[in-house]
Amino acid sequence: MPRSVNHVASRAKRKRILKLTRGYYGARKNVWTVAKNTWEKGLTYAFRDRKAKKRNFRALWIQRINAAARIEGISYSALMGNLKKAGIEINRKVLADLAMNNPEAFKAICDKVKK
């Protein structure tokens, strides 16, 4: 008896992955094995870079806070330490946004912390 193969499902799977690789360069878009490998590697990059993105943004926020704090005459580490001692719970994302878009509010926070 001949072997039974669900060709409909396997073809659908290949079509789905080849559709996801549209726009890739050369054989990466239309040769099944190359496209599958490229797509799988892309998933690993996506997973890795979702984590790296968080690190990059935190570093950017720290740089912005540090730059604005030094204009006010205080270092980043002193600012963060004094915020903790003063019991002001404000995260780096909001602090960086204040430093960029609302310098008066950031100055008020710095003045409160310096005391």
N, C-alpha and C. Protein backbone atom coordinates (compact mmCIF):
# COMPACT_ATOMS: atom_id res chain seq x y z
N MET A 1 0.84 -1.18 0.00
CA MET A 1 0.00 0.00 0.00
C MET A 1 0.89 1.25 0.00
N PRO A 2 0.56 2.25 -0.82
CA PRO A 2 1.41 3.44 -0.89
C PRO A 2 1.33 4.27 0.39
N ARG A 3 2.40 5.02 0.61
CA ARG A 3 2.49 5.86 1.80
C ARG A 3 1.54 7.04 1.66
N SER A 4 0.85 7.36 2.74
CA SER A 4 -0.09 8.47 2.73
C SER A 4 0.62 9.73 3.22
N VAL A 5 0.53 10.79 2.44
CA VAL A 5 1.19 12.04 2.78
C VAL A 5 0.15 13.16 2.74
N ASN A 6 0.14 13.95 3.77
CA ASN A 6 -0.80 15.07 3.80
C ASN A 6 -0.15 16.26 3.09
N HIS A 7 -0.19 16.22 1.78
CA HIS A 7 0.51 17.22 0.99
C HIS A 7 -0.12 18.61 1.13
N VAL A 8 -1.41 18.65 1.38
CA VAL A 8 -2.09 19.94 1.52
C VAL A 8 -1.51 20.71 2.71
N ALA A 9 -1.35 20.02 3.84
CA ALA A 9 -0.84 20.68 5.04
C ALA A 9 0.62 21.08 4.89
N SER A 10 1.45 20.19 4.31
CA SER A 10 2.87 20.51 4.18
C SER A 10 3.08 21.65 3.19
N ARG A 11 2.29 21.67 2.11
CA ARG A 11 2.39 22.77 1.15
C ARG A 11 1.95 24.09 1.80
N ALA A 12 0.89 24.02 2.61
CA ALA A 12 0.40 25.22 3.29
C ALA A 12 1.45 25.78 4.24
N LYS A 13 2.15 24.89 4.93
CA LYS A 13 3.19 25.32 5.86
C LYS A 13 4.32 26.01 5.10
N ARG A 14 4.73 25.43 3.99
CA ARG A 14 5.79 26.04 3.18
C ARG A 14 5.35 27.40 2.64
N LYS A 15 4.11 27.47 2.15
CA LYS A 15 3.61 28.74 1.61
C LYS A 15 3.57 29.82 2.69
N ARG A 16 3.19 29.41 3.90
CA ARG A 16 3.09 30.38 5.00
C ARG A 16 4.47 30.98 5.30
N ILE A 17 5.49 30.12 5.37
CA ILE A 17 6.83 30.61 5.69
C ILE A 17 7.41 31.40 4.52
N LEU A 18 7.17 30.96 3.29
CA LEU A 18 7.67 31.70 2.14
C LEU A 18 6.99 33.07 2.04
N LYS A 19 5.75 33.15 2.47
CA LYS A 19 5.06 34.45 2.49
C LYS A 19 5.70 35.38 3.52
N LEU A 20 6.15 34.81 4.65
CA LEU A 20 6.80 35.61 5.69
C LEU A 20 8.17 36.12 5.26
N THR A 21 8.80 35.44 4.29
CA THR A 21 10.14 35.84 3.87
C THR A 21 10.11 36.73 2.62
N ARG A 22 8.95 37.20 2.22
CA ARG A 22 8.88 38.12 1.09
C ARG A 22 9.68 39.38 1.40
N GLY A 23 10.42 39.87 0.43
CA GLY A 23 11.23 41.06 0.64
C GLY A 23 12.66 40.76 1.03
N TYR A 24 12.97 39.50 1.35
CA TYR A 24 14.35 39.15 1.64
C TYR A 24 15.15 39.11 0.34
N TYR A 25 16.47 39.12 0.46
CA TYR A 25 17.35 39.21 -0.69
C TYR A 25 17.68 37.83 -1.25
N GLY A 26 17.65 37.70 -2.56
CA GLY A 26 18.11 36.49 -3.24
C GLY A 26 17.32 35.25 -2.90
N ALA A 27 18.04 34.15 -2.68
CA ALA A 27 17.40 32.86 -2.43
C ALA A 27 16.69 32.82 -1.09
N ARG A 28 16.96 33.80 -0.23
CA ARG A 28 16.33 33.82 1.09
C ARG A 28 14.82 33.98 1.01
N LYS A 29 14.32 34.41 -0.14
CA LYS A 29 12.88 34.62 -0.25
C LYS A 29 12.14 33.50 -0.97
N ASN A 30 12.84 32.67 -1.76
CA ASN A 30 12.09 31.71 -2.57
C ASN A 30 12.61 30.27 -2.56
N VAL A 31 13.77 30.03 -1.96
CA VAL A 31 14.26 28.65 -1.83
C VAL A 31 13.87 28.17 -0.44
N TRP A 32 13.13 27.08 -0.39
CA TRP A 32 12.49 26.66 0.85
C TRP A 32 13.46 26.53 2.02
N THR A 33 14.55 25.77 1.85
CA THR A 33 15.43 25.52 2.99
C THR A 33 16.14 26.81 3.44
N VAL A 34 16.57 27.61 2.48
CA VAL A 34 17.24 28.87 2.81
C VAL A 34 16.25 29.81 3.49
N ALA A 35 15.05 29.91 2.95
CA ALA A 35 14.03 30.79 3.51
C ALA A 35 13.66 30.36 4.92
N LYS A 36 13.52 29.06 5.14
CA LYS A 36 13.15 28.56 6.47
C LYS A 36 14.25 28.88 7.48
N ASN A 37 15.50 28.65 7.10
CA ASN A 37 16.61 28.95 8.00
C ASN A 37 16.69 30.44 8.32
N THR A 38 16.50 31.27 7.30
CA THR A 38 16.55 32.71 7.49
C THR A 38 15.43 33.18 8.41
N TRP A 39 14.24 32.64 8.20
CA TRP A 39 13.08 33.01 9.01
C TRP A 39 13.28 32.60 10.47
N GLU A 40 13.81 31.39 10.69
CA GLU A 40 14.06 30.93 12.06
C GLU A 40 15.12 31.78 12.75
N LYS A 41 16.17 32.13 12.01
CA LYS A 41 17.22 32.97 12.58
C LYS A 41 16.67 34.35 12.91
N GLY A 42 15.77 34.84 12.06
CA GLY A 42 15.13 36.13 12.32
C GLY A 42 14.34 36.11 13.61
N LEU A 43 13.71 34.99 13.91
CA LEU A 43 12.96 34.88 15.17
C LEU A 43 13.89 34.96 16.37
N THR A 44 15.08 34.35 16.26
CA THR A 44 16.02 34.42 17.38
C THR A 44 16.54 35.84 17.56
N TYR A 45 16.78 36.54 16.44
CA TYR A 45 17.20 37.94 16.53
C TYR A 45 16.10 38.78 17.17
N ALA A 46 14.85 38.52 16.79
CA ALA A 46 13.73 39.29 17.33
C ALA A 46 13.62 39.09 18.84
N PHE A 47 13.78 37.84 19.29
CA PHE A 47 13.71 37.56 20.72
C PHE A 47 14.84 38.27 21.46
N ARG A 48 16.05 38.15 20.92
CA ARG A 48 17.22 38.78 21.55
C ARG A 48 17.06 40.29 21.61
N ASP A 49 16.61 40.88 20.51
CA ASP A 49 16.58 42.33 20.43
C ASP A 49 15.42 42.95 21.18
N ARG A 50 14.38 42.17 21.50
CA ARG A 50 13.34 42.70 22.39
C ARG A 50 13.93 42.95 23.77
N LYS A 51 14.87 42.11 24.19
CA LYS A 51 15.55 42.31 25.46
C LYS A 51 16.56 43.47 25.36
N ALA A 52 17.30 43.53 24.26
CA ALA A 52 18.32 44.57 24.07
C ALA A 52 17.67 45.95 23.99
N LYS A 53 16.47 46.01 23.42
CA LYS A 53 15.76 47.28 23.30
C LYS A 53 15.51 47.90 24.67
N LYS A 54 15.15 47.08 25.63
CA LYS A 54 14.90 47.56 26.99
C LYS A 54 16.19 48.12 27.60
N ARG A 55 17.30 47.43 27.37
CA ARG A 55 18.59 47.92 27.88
C ARG A 55 18.98 49.24 27.22
N ASN A 56 18.76 49.33 25.91
CA ASN A 56 19.13 50.53 25.18
C ASN A 56 18.33 51.74 25.65
N PHE A 57 17.04 51.54 25.88
CA PHE A 57 16.22 52.66 26.32
C PHE A 57 16.59 53.09 27.73
N ARG A 58 16.88 52.14 28.60
CA ARG A 58 17.29 52.50 29.96
C ARG A 58 18.58 53.33 29.91
N ALA A 59 19.53 52.92 29.07
CA ALA A 59 20.78 53.67 28.94
C ALA A 59 20.52 55.08 28.41
N LEU A 60 19.61 55.20 27.45
CA LEU A 60 19.27 56.51 26.90
C LEU A 60 18.64 57.40 27.97
N TRP A 61 17.72 56.84 28.77
CA TRP A 61 17.09 57.62 29.84
C TRP A 61 18.13 58.11 30.84
N ILE A 62 19.07 57.24 31.19
CA ILE A 62 20.10 57.61 32.16
C ILE A 62 20.97 58.74 31.61
N GLN A 63 21.32 58.68 30.33
CA GLN A 63 22.13 59.73 29.72
C GLN A 63 21.38 61.07 29.73
N ARG A 64 20.09 61.03 29.42
CA ARG A 64 19.31 62.26 29.41
C ARG A 64 19.16 62.85 30.80
N ILE A 65 18.91 61.99 31.78
CA ILE A 65 18.78 62.46 33.17
C ILE A 65 20.11 63.05 33.64
N ASN A 66 21.20 62.37 33.33
CA ASN A 66 22.52 62.84 33.74
C ASN A 66 22.83 64.21 33.14
N ALA A 67 22.54 64.37 31.86
CA ALA A 67 22.82 65.65 31.19
C ALA A 67 22.01 66.77 31.83
N ALA A 68 20.73 66.51 32.08
CA ALA A 68 19.87 67.55 32.66
C ALA A 68 20.25 67.82 34.11
N ALA A 69 20.63 66.77 34.83
CA ALA A 69 21.01 66.95 36.24
C ALA A 69 22.28 67.77 36.36
N ARG A 70 23.23 67.53 35.48
CA ARG A 70 24.49 68.28 35.55
C ARG A 70 24.27 69.77 35.22
N ILE A 71 23.29 70.07 34.40
CA ILE A 71 22.93 71.47 34.15
C ILE A 71 22.44 72.10 35.45
N GLU A 72 21.75 71.30 36.26
CA GLU A 72 21.25 71.79 37.55
C GLU A 72 22.31 71.72 38.66
N GLY A 73 23.50 71.19 38.33
CA GLY A 73 24.60 71.18 39.28
C GLY A 73 24.63 69.98 40.20
N ILE A 74 24.11 68.87 39.75
CA ILE A 74 24.12 67.63 40.54
C ILE A 74 24.41 66.47 39.60
N SER A 75 25.11 65.45 40.08
CA SER A 75 25.41 64.30 39.23
C SER A 75 24.22 63.34 39.22
N TYR A 76 24.24 62.44 38.26
CA TYR A 76 23.16 61.46 38.14
C TYR A 76 23.06 60.60 39.39
N SER A 77 24.21 60.08 39.84
CA SER A 77 24.17 59.16 40.98
C SER A 77 23.70 59.87 42.25
N ALA A 78 24.13 61.11 42.43
CA ALA A 78 23.67 61.87 43.60
C ALA A 78 22.18 62.15 43.50
N LEU A 79 21.71 62.48 42.31
CA LEU A 79 20.28 62.74 42.11
C LEU A 79 19.45 61.51 42.44
N MET A 80 19.85 60.36 41.92
CA MET A 80 19.08 59.14 42.14
C MET A 80 19.13 58.71 43.61
N GLY A 81 20.31 58.86 44.24
CA GLY A 81 20.42 58.53 45.65
C GLY A 81 19.58 59.42 46.53
N ASN A 82 19.58 60.72 46.23
CA ASN A 82 18.79 61.67 47.02
C ASN A 82 17.29 61.51 46.78
N LEU A 83 16.92 61.11 45.56
CA LEU A 83 15.51 60.82 45.28
C LEU A 83 15.03 59.68 46.17
N LYS A 84 15.87 58.66 46.28
CA LYS A 84 15.52 57.50 47.10
C LYS A 84 15.39 57.90 48.58
N LYS A 85 16.37 58.70 49.06
CA LYS A 85 16.34 59.14 50.46
C LYS A 85 15.13 60.02 50.74
N ALA A 86 14.75 60.85 49.77
CA ALA A 86 13.61 61.76 49.95
C ALA A 86 12.27 61.04 49.84
N GLY A 87 12.32 59.78 49.40
CA GLY A 87 11.09 59.00 49.27
C GLY A 87 10.28 59.34 48.03
N ILE A 88 10.94 59.95 47.04
CA ILE A 88 10.27 60.29 45.79
C ILE A 88 10.42 59.11 44.84
N GLU A 89 9.32 58.44 44.58
CA GLU A 89 9.35 57.28 43.68
C GLU A 89 8.94 57.71 42.29
N ILE A 90 9.94 57.95 41.46
CA ILE A 90 9.70 58.33 40.07
C ILE A 90 10.69 57.54 39.22
N ASN A 91 10.20 56.92 38.16
CA ASN A 91 11.09 56.06 37.39
C ASN A 91 11.90 56.85 36.37
N ARG A 92 12.90 56.20 35.81
CA ARG A 92 13.84 56.87 34.91
C ARG A 92 13.16 57.32 33.62
N LYS A 93 12.18 56.56 33.16
CA LYS A 93 11.49 56.93 31.93
C LYS A 93 10.79 58.28 32.09
N VAL A 94 10.09 58.45 33.20
CA VAL A 94 9.36 59.70 33.45
C VAL A 94 10.34 60.84 33.71
N LEU A 95 11.41 60.55 34.47
CA LEU A 95 12.42 61.58 34.74
C LEU A 95 13.06 62.08 33.45
N ALA A 96 13.39 61.15 32.55
CA ALA A 96 14.01 61.53 31.28
C ALA A 96 13.04 62.36 30.45
N ASP A 97 11.76 62.00 30.47
CA ASP A 97 10.75 62.75 29.72
C ASP A 97 10.62 64.16 30.29
N LEU A 98 10.63 64.28 31.62
CA LEU A 98 10.58 65.60 32.24
C LEU A 98 11.82 66.43 31.87
N ALA A 99 12.97 65.78 31.89
CA ALA A 99 14.22 66.48 31.57
C ALA A 99 14.20 67.03 30.14
N MET A 100 13.61 66.27 29.22
CA MET A 100 13.58 66.68 27.82
C MET A 100 12.47 67.69 27.53
N ASN A 101 11.27 67.42 28.03
CA ASN A 101 10.09 68.17 27.59
C ASN A 101 9.57 69.18 28.61
N ASN A 102 9.98 69.06 29.87
CA ASN A 102 9.49 69.96 30.89
C ASN A 102 10.61 70.29 31.87
N PRO A 103 11.57 71.11 31.44
CA PRO A 103 12.75 71.39 32.27
C PRO A 103 12.41 72.07 33.60
N GLU A 104 11.30 72.82 33.64
CA GLU A 104 10.92 73.49 34.89
C GLU A 104 10.57 72.47 35.96
N ALA A 105 9.81 71.46 35.57
CA ALA A 105 9.43 70.41 36.53
C ALA A 105 10.67 69.63 36.98
N PHE A 106 11.58 69.36 36.05
CA PHE A 106 12.81 68.64 36.40
C PHE A 106 13.65 69.48 37.36
N LYS A 107 13.69 70.80 37.12
CA LYS A 107 14.43 71.71 38.00
C LYS A 107 13.82 71.70 39.40
N ALA A 108 12.49 71.66 39.47
CA ALA A 108 11.81 71.63 40.77
C ALA A 108 12.15 70.35 41.52
N ILE A 109 12.22 69.24 40.83
CA ILE A 109 12.59 67.96 41.46
C ILE A 109 14.03 68.04 41.98
N CYS A 110 14.92 68.58 41.15
CA CYS A 110 16.32 68.71 41.55
C CYS A 110 16.46 69.61 42.78
N ASP A 111 15.72 70.71 42.79
CA ASP A 111 15.78 71.62 43.94
C ASP A 111 15.29 70.95 45.21
N LYS A 112 14.22 70.15 45.07
CA LYS A 112 13.68 69.44 46.23
C LYS A 112 14.69 68.42 46.76
N VAL A 113 15.41 67.80 45.85
CA VAL A 113 16.37 66.76 46.22
C VAL A 113 17.63 67.37 46.83
N LYS A 114 18.03 68.55 46.37
CA LYS A 114 19.27 69.17 46.85
C LYS A 114 19.17 69.57 48.32
N LYS A 115 17.97 69.84 48.81
CA LYS A 115 17.80 70.29 50.20
C LYS A 115 18.12 69.22 51.21
